[in-house]
Amino acid sequence: MKNQRRKHKPLLHSALQIGPSTFGIFETFTDEAGRNTHLSGEIAKALMAKVPELLVTTPIIEKVDLLAIK
């Protein structure tokens, strides 16, 4: 399990503020499998179970593909 977590760990993990009360998390992975494993893992499940007590609304999770990195 530890190796699996390390293998699919985000390469970059950033927190951002979009507006006065709107925040986001931006993470990058080496591949789609890593992203999917991370989003369906035990930590993600535990966080989603806490949504009603931590957040005002259900989070929106959007997958994007980076076209360029400089």
PDB file of N, CA and C in Angstrom:
ATOM      1  N   MET A   1       0.826  -1.197   0.000  1.00  0.00           N
ATOM      2  CA  MET A   1       0.000   0.000   0.000  1.00  0.00           C
ATOM      3  C   MET A   1       0.869   1.258   0.000  1.00  0.00           C
ATOM      4  N   LYS A   2       1.944   1.274   0.798  1.00  0.00           N
ATOM      5  CA  LYS A   2       2.807   2.441   0.849  1.00  0.00           C
ATOM      6  C   LYS A   2       3.418   2.743  -0.518  1.00  0.00           C
ATOM      7  N   ASN A   3       3.917   1.713  -1.196  1.00  0.00           N
ATOM      8  CA  ASN A   3       4.497   1.912  -2.519  1.00  0.00           C
ATOM      9  C   ASN A   3       3.455   2.425  -3.503  1.00  0.00           C
ATOM     10  N   GLN A   4       2.239   1.930  -3.404  1.00  0.00           N
ATOM     11  CA  GLN A   4       1.162   2.362  -4.286  1.00  0.00           C
ATOM     12  C   GLN A   4       0.877   3.844  -4.068  1.00  0.00           C
ATOM     13  N   ARG A   5       0.824   4.264  -2.806  1.00  0.00           N
ATOM     14  CA  ARG A   5       0.587   5.676  -2.502  1.00  0.00           C
ATOM     15  C   ARG A   5       1.713   6.541  -3.034  1.00  0.00           C
ATOM     16  N   ARG A   6       2.926   6.108  -2.846  1.00  0.00           N
ATOM     17  CA  ARG A   6       4.082   6.876  -3.316  1.00  0.00           C
ATOM     18  C   ARG A   6       4.083   6.953  -4.833  1.00  0.00           C
ATOM     19  N   LYS A   7       3.734   5.858  -5.492  1.00  0.00           N
ATOM     20  CA  LYS A   7       3.735   5.802  -6.951  1.00  0.00           C
ATOM     21  C   LYS A   7       2.729   6.790  -7.545  1.00  0.00           C
ATOM     22  N   HIS A   8       1.580   6.953  -6.906  1.00  0.00           N
ATOM     23  CA  HIS A   8       0.525   7.802  -7.454  1.00  0.00           C
ATOM     24  C   HIS A   8       0.405   9.138  -6.729  1.00  0.00           C
ATOM     25  N   LYS A   9       1.431   9.509  -6.038  1.00  0.00           N
ATOM     26  CA  LYS A   9       1.469  10.792  -5.326  1.00  0.00           C
ATOM     27  C   LYS A   9       1.530  11.932  -6.353  1.00  0.00           C
ATOM     28  N   PRO A  10       0.844  13.038  -6.091  1.00  0.00           N
ATOM     29  CA  PRO A  10       0.917  14.176  -7.024  1.00  0.00           C
ATOM     30  C   PRO A  10       2.353  14.680  -7.184  1.00  0.00           C
ATOM     31  N   LEU A  11       2.698  15.059  -8.415  1.00  0.00           N
ATOM     32  CA  LEU A  11       3.993  15.685  -8.663  1.00  0.00           C
ATOM     33  C   LEU A  11       3.997  17.100  -8.117  1.00  0.00           C
ATOM     34  N   LEU A  12       2.855  17.759  -8.239  1.00  0.00           N
ATOM     35  CA  LEU A  12       2.687  19.131  -7.771  1.00  0.00           C
ATOM     36  C   LEU A  12       1.334  19.214  -7.084  1.00  0.00           C
ATOM     37  N   HIS A  13       1.314  19.824  -5.930  1.00  0.00           N
ATOM     38  CA  HIS A  13       0.075  20.000  -5.173  1.00  0.00           C
ATOM     39  C   HIS A  13       0.005  21.478  -4.793  1.00  0.00           C
ATOM     40  N   SER A  14      -0.992  22.191  -5.328  1.00  0.00           N
ATOM     41  CA  SER A  14      -1.115  23.619  -5.073  1.00  0.00           C
ATOM     42  C   SER A  14      -2.514  23.947  -4.568  1.00  0.00           C
ATOM     43  N   ALA A  15      -2.588  24.857  -3.621  1.00  0.00           N
ATOM     44  CA  ALA A  15      -3.866  25.393  -3.150  1.00  0.00           C
ATOM     45  C   ALA A  15      -3.981  26.806  -3.703  1.00  0.00           C
ATOM     46  N   LEU A  16      -5.180  27.164  -4.168  1.00  0.00           N
ATOM     47  CA  LEU A  16      -5.356  28.488  -4.737  1.00  0.00           C
ATOM     48  C   LEU A  16      -6.673  29.117  -4.299  1.00  0.00           C
ATOM     49  N   GLN A  17      -6.698  30.436  -4.328  1.00  0.00           N
ATOM     50  CA  GLN A  17      -7.912  31.182  -4.018  1.00  0.00           C
ATOM     51  C   GLN A  17      -8.397  31.820  -5.305  1.00  0.00           C
ATOM     52  N   ILE A  18      -9.647  31.502  -5.675  1.00  0.00           N
ATOM     53  CA  ILE A  18     -10.228  31.984  -6.923  1.00  0.00           C
ATOM     54  C   ILE A  18     -11.052  33.245  -6.686  1.00  0.00           C
ATOM     55  N   GLY A  19     -11.673  33.324  -5.536  1.00  0.00           N
ATOM     56  CA  GLY A  19     -12.498  34.469  -5.164  1.00  0.00           C
ATOM     57  C   GLY A  19     -12.502  34.610  -3.654  1.00  0.00           C
ATOM     58  N   PRO A  20     -13.297  35.543  -3.106  1.00  0.00           N
ATOM     59  CA  PRO A  20     -13.301  35.785  -1.661  1.00  0.00           C
ATOM     60  C   PRO A  20     -13.595  34.534  -0.826  1.00  0.00           C
ATOM     61  N   SER A  21     -14.463  33.657  -1.326  1.00  0.00           N
ATOM     62  CA  SER A  21     -14.789  32.435  -0.574  1.00  0.00           C
ATOM     63  C   SER A  21     -14.747  31.200  -1.468  1.00  0.00           C
ATOM     64  N   THR A  22     -13.996  31.271  -2.545  1.00  0.00           N
ATOM     65  CA  THR A  22     -13.868  30.146  -3.468  1.00  0.00           C
ATOM     66  C   THR A  22     -12.403  29.742  -3.559  1.00  0.00           C
ATOM     67  N   PHE A  23     -12.159  28.480  -3.280  1.00  0.00           N
ATOM     68  CA  PHE A  23     -10.794  27.973  -3.237  1.00  0.00           C
ATOM     69  C   PHE A  23     -10.677  26.731  -4.111  1.00  0.00           C
ATOM     70  N   GLY A  24      -9.455  26.381  -4.448  1.00  0.00           N
ATOM     71  CA  GLY A  24      -9.243  25.207  -5.271  1.00  0.00           C
ATOM     72  C   GLY A  24      -7.953  24.503  -4.920  1.00  0.00           C
ATOM     73  N   ILE A  25      -7.849  23.287  -5.411  1.00  0.00           N
ATOM     74  CA  ILE A  25      -6.628  22.501  -5.293  1.00  0.00           C
ATOM     75  C   ILE A  25      -6.267  22.070  -6.699  1.00  0.00           C
ATOM     76  N   PHE A  26      -5.014  22.241  -7.064  1.00  0.00           N
ATOM     77  CA  PHE A  26      -4.525  21.854  -8.386  1.00  0.00           C
ATOM     78  C   PHE A  26      -3.401  20.850  -8.184  1.00  0.00           C
ATOM     79  N   GLU A  27      -3.576  19.659  -8.745  1.00  0.00           N
ATOM     80  CA  GLU A  27      -2.571  18.613  -8.603  1.00  0.00           C
ATOM     81  C   GLU A  27      -2.209  18.067  -9.976  1.00  0.00           C
ATOM     82  N   THR A  28      -0.935  17.706 -10.142  1.00  0.00           N
ATOM     83  CA  THR A  28      -0.500  17.090 -11.387  1.00  0.00           C
ATOM     84  C   THR A  28       0.039  15.693 -11.095  1.00  0.00           C
ATOM     85  N   PHE A  29      -0.140  14.807 -12.056  1.00  0.00           N
ATOM     86  CA  PHE A  29       0.281  13.415 -11.943  1.00  0.00           C
ATOM     87  C   PHE A  29       1.043  13.011 -13.197  1.00  0.00           C
ATOM     88  N   THR A  30       1.800  11.954 -13.104  1.00  0.00           N
ATOM     89  CA  THR A  30       2.575  11.504 -14.263  1.00  0.00           C
ATOM     90  C   THR A  30       1.699  10.910 -15.347  1.00  0.00           C
ATOM     91  N   ASP A  31       0.536  10.359 -14.955  1.00  0.00           N
ATOM     92  CA  ASP A  31      -0.340   9.751 -15.957  1.00  0.00           C
ATOM     93  C   ASP A  31      -1.773   9.671 -15.450  1.00  0.00           C
ATOM     94  N   GLU A  32      -2.678   9.273 -16.328  1.00  0.00           N
ATOM     95  CA  GLU A  32      -4.101   9.170 -16.007  1.00  0.00           C
ATOM     96  C   GLU A  32      -4.349   8.136 -14.906  1.00  0.00           C
ATOM     97  N   ALA A  33      -3.608   7.038 -14.941  1.00  0.00           N
ATOM     98  CA  ALA A  33      -3.777   5.992 -13.920  1.00  0.00           C
ATOM     99  C   ALA A  33      -3.472   6.544 -12.528  1.00  0.00           C
ATOM    100  N   GLY A  34      -2.413   7.334 -12.426  1.00  0.00           N
ATOM    101  CA  GLY A  34      -2.071   7.941 -11.141  1.00  0.00           C
ATOM    102  C   GLY A  34      -3.142   8.885 -10.652  1.00  0.00           C
ATOM    103  N   ARG A  35      -3.669   9.680 -11.557  1.00  0.00           N
ATOM    104  CA  ARG A  35      -4.740  10.622 -11.198  1.00  0.00           C
ATOM    105  C   ARG A  35      -5.973   9.870 -10.728  1.00  0.00           C
ATOM    106  N   ASN A  36      -6.372   8.847 -11.473  1.00  0.00           N
ATOM    107  CA  ASN A  36      -7.572   8.077 -11.112  1.00  0.00           C
ATOM    108  C   ASN A  36      -7.392   7.333  -9.798  1.00  0.00           C
ATOM    109  N   THR A  37      -6.216   6.762  -9.586  1.00  0.00           N
ATOM    110  CA  THR A  37      -5.944   6.063  -8.326  1.00  0.00           C
ATOM    111  C   THR A  37      -6.011   7.039  -7.158  1.00  0.00           C
ATOM    112  N   HIS A  38      -5.450   8.211  -7.319  1.00  0.00           N
ATOM    113  CA  HIS A  38      -5.462   9.235  -6.270  1.00  0.00           C
ATOM    114  C   HIS A  38      -6.900   9.662  -5.955  1.00  0.00           C
ATOM    115  N   LEU A  39      -7.691   9.916  -6.991  1.00  0.00           N
ATOM    116  CA  LEU A  39      -9.063  10.397  -6.790  1.00  0.00           C
ATOM    117  C   LEU A  39     -10.000   9.331  -6.231  1.00  0.00           C
ATOM    118  N   SER A  40      -9.663   8.072  -6.385  1.00  0.00           N
ATOM    119  CA  SER A  40     -10.535   7.006  -5.877  1.00  0.00           C
ATOM    120  C   SER A  40      -9.945   6.312  -4.654  1.00  0.00           C
ATOM    121  N   GLY A  41      -8.849   6.846  -4.109  1.00  0.00           N
ATOM    122  CA  GLY A  41      -8.168   6.230  -2.975  1.00  0.00           C
ATOM    123  C   GLY A  41      -8.871   6.453  -1.648  1.00  0.00           C
ATOM    124  N   GLU A  42      -8.309   5.853  -0.628  1.00  0.00           N
ATOM    125  CA  GLU A  42      -8.897   5.902   0.717  1.00  0.00           C
ATOM    126  C   GLU A  42      -8.935   7.320   1.283  1.00  0.00           C
ATOM    127  N   ILE A  43      -7.911   8.112   1.040  1.00  0.00           N
ATOM    128  CA  ILE A  43      -7.899   9.490   1.557  1.00  0.00           C
ATOM    129  C   ILE A  43      -8.997  10.314   0.890  1.00  0.00           C
ATOM    130  N   ALA A  44      -9.143  10.166  -0.415  1.00  0.00           N
ATOM    131  CA  ALA A  44     -10.205  10.881  -1.136  1.00  0.00           C
ATOM    132  C   ALA A  44     -11.578  10.481  -0.609  1.00  0.00           C
ATOM    133  N   LYS A  45     -11.777   9.204  -0.374  1.00  0.00           N
ATOM    134  CA  LYS A  45     -13.062   8.727   0.165  1.00  0.00           C
ATOM    135  C   LYS A  45     -13.332   9.309   1.546  1.00  0.00           C
ATOM    136  N   ALA A  46     -12.302   9.337   2.383  1.00  0.00           N
ATOM    137  CA  ALA A  46     -12.459   9.888   3.732  1.00  0.00           C
ATOM    138  C   ALA A  46     -12.778  11.380   3.679  1.00  0.00           C
ATOM    139  N   LEU A  47     -12.102  12.120   2.798  1.00  0.00           N
ATOM    140  CA  LEU A  47     -12.383  13.556   2.663  1.00  0.00           C
ATOM    141  C   LEU A  47     -13.795  13.800   2.145  1.00  0.00           C
ATOM    142  N   MET A  48     -14.223  13.039   1.159  1.00  0.00           N
ATOM    143  CA  MET A  48     -15.572  13.216   0.612  1.00  0.00           C
ATOM    144  C   MET A  48     -16.637  12.910   1.662  1.00  0.00           C
ATOM    145  N   ALA A  49     -16.371  11.993   2.563  1.00  0.00           N
ATOM    146  CA  ALA A  49     -17.316  11.685   3.638  1.00  0.00           C
ATOM    147  C   ALA A  49     -17.462  12.861   4.601  1.00  0.00           C
ATOM    148  N   LYS A  50     -16.441  13.709   4.683  1.00  0.00           N
ATOM    149  CA  LYS A  50     -16.453  14.869   5.590  1.00  0.00           C
ATOM    150  C   LYS A  50     -16.993  16.140   4.928  1.00  0.00           C
ATOM    151  N   VAL A  51     -17.309  16.087   3.639  1.00  0.00           N
ATOM    152  CA  VAL A  51     -17.756  17.279   2.909  1.00  0.00           C
ATOM    153  C   VAL A  51     -18.877  18.029   3.627  1.00  0.00           C
ATOM    154  N   PRO A  52     -19.939  17.357   4.073  1.00  0.00           N
ATOM    155  CA  PRO A  52     -21.038  18.115   4.703  1.00  0.00           C
ATOM    156  C   PRO A  52     -20.619  18.954   5.905  1.00  0.00           C
ATOM    157  N   GLU A  53     -19.635  18.507   6.647  1.00  0.00           N
ATOM    158  CA  GLU A  53     -19.226  19.289   7.817  1.00  0.00           C
ATOM    159  C   GLU A  53     -18.086  20.271   7.529  1.00  0.00           C
ATOM    160  N   LEU A  54     -17.394  20.098   6.398  1.00  0.00           N
ATOM    161  CA  LEU A  54     -16.257  20.968   6.087  1.00  0.00           C
ATOM    162  C   LEU A  54     -16.554  22.060   5.058  1.00  0.00           C
ATOM    163  N   LEU A  55     -17.474  21.785   4.136  1.00  0.00           N
ATOM    164  CA  LEU A  55     -17.719  22.703   3.023  1.00  0.00           C
ATOM    165  C   LEU A  55     -19.188  23.106   2.941  1.00  0.00           C
ATOM    166  N   VAL A  56     -19.433  24.250   2.332  1.00  0.00           N
ATOM    167  CA  VAL A  56     -20.793  24.747   2.156  1.00  0.00           C
ATOM    168  C   VAL A  56     -21.505  23.982   1.033  1.00  0.00           C
ATOM    169  N   THR A  57     -20.765  23.642  -0.017  1.00  0.00           N
ATOM    170  CA  THR A  57     -21.342  22.903  -1.143  1.00  0.00           C
ATOM    171  C   THR A  57     -20.436  21.726  -1.505  1.00  0.00           C
ATOM    172  N   THR A  58     -20.969  20.829  -2.278  1.00  0.00           N
ATOM    173  CA  THR A  58     -20.191  19.696  -2.762  1.00  0.00           C
ATOM    174  C   THR A  58     -19.090  20.204  -3.689  1.00  0.00           C
ATOM    175  N   PRO A  59     -17.873  19.710  -3.516  1.00  0.00           N
ATOM    176  CA  PRO A  59     -16.784  20.191  -4.379  1.00  0.00           C
ATOM    177  C   PRO A  59     -16.986  19.754  -5.832  1.00  0.00           C
ATOM    178  N   ILE A  60     -16.482  20.569  -6.726  1.00  0.00           N
ATOM    179  CA  ILE A  60     -16.501  20.254  -8.154  1.00  0.00           C
ATOM    180  C   ILE A  60     -15.105  19.755  -8.509  1.00  0.00           C
ATOM    181  N   ILE A  61     -15.027  18.527  -8.979  1.00  0.00           N
ATOM    182  CA  ILE A  61     -13.735  17.959  -9.364  1.00  0.00           C
ATOM    183  C   ILE A  61     -13.705  17.891 -10.879  1.00  0.00           C
ATOM    184  N   GLU A  62     -12.781  18.635 -11.455  1.00  0.00           N
ATOM    185  CA  GLU A  62     -12.642  18.666 -12.908  1.00  0.00           C
ATOM    186  C   GLU A  62     -11.257  18.183 -13.297  1.00  0.00           C
ATOM    187  N   LYS A  63     -11.214  17.300 -14.262  1.00  0.00           N
ATOM    188  CA  LYS A  63      -9.936  16.821 -14.799  1.00  0.00           C
ATOM    189  C   LYS A  63      -9.574  17.667 -15.990  1.00  0.00           C
ATOM    190  N   VAL A  64      -8.348  18.134 -16.021  1.00  0.00           N
ATOM    191  CA  VAL A  64      -7.851  18.916 -17.160  1.00  0.00           C
ATOM    192  C   VAL A  64      -6.554  18.287 -17.648  1.00  0.00           C
ATOM    193  N   ASP A  65      -6.221  18.541 -18.878  1.00  0.00           N
ATOM    194  CA  ASP A  65      -4.950  18.102 -19.440  1.00  0.00           C
ATOM    195  C   ASP A  65      -4.096  19.331 -19.686  1.00  0.00           C
ATOM    196  N   LEU A  66      -2.871  19.322 -19.179  1.00  0.00           N
ATOM    197  CA  LEU A  66      -1.954  20.437 -19.417  1.00  0.00           C
ATOM    198  C   LEU A  66      -1.418  20.343 -20.828  1.00  0.00           C
ATOM    199  N   LEU A  67      -1.487  21.437 -21.549  1.00  0.00           N
ATOM    200  CA  LEU A  67      -1.015  21.478 -22.930  1.00  0.00           C
ATOM    201  C   LEU A  67       0.422  21.943 -23.031  1.00  0.00           C
ATOM    202  N   ALA A  68       0.857  22.750 -22.086  1.00  0.00           N
ATOM    203  CA  ALA A  68       2.234  23.235 -22.104  1.00  0.00           C
ATOM    204  C   ALA A  68       2.652  23.587 -20.687  1.00  0.00           C
ATOM    205  N   ILE A  69       3.929  23.398 -20.417  1.00  0.00           N
ATOM    206  CA  ILE A  69       4.520  23.772 -19.135  1.00  0.00           C
ATOM    207  C   ILE A  69       5.823  24.475 -19.455  1.00  0.00           C
ATOM    208  N   LYS A  70       6.014  25.638 -18.878  1.00  0.00           N
ATOM    209  CA  LYS A  70       7.248  26.387 -19.154  1.00  0.00           C
ATOM    210  C   LYS A  70       8.055  26.513 -17.905  1.00  0.00           C
TER     211      LYS A  70
END
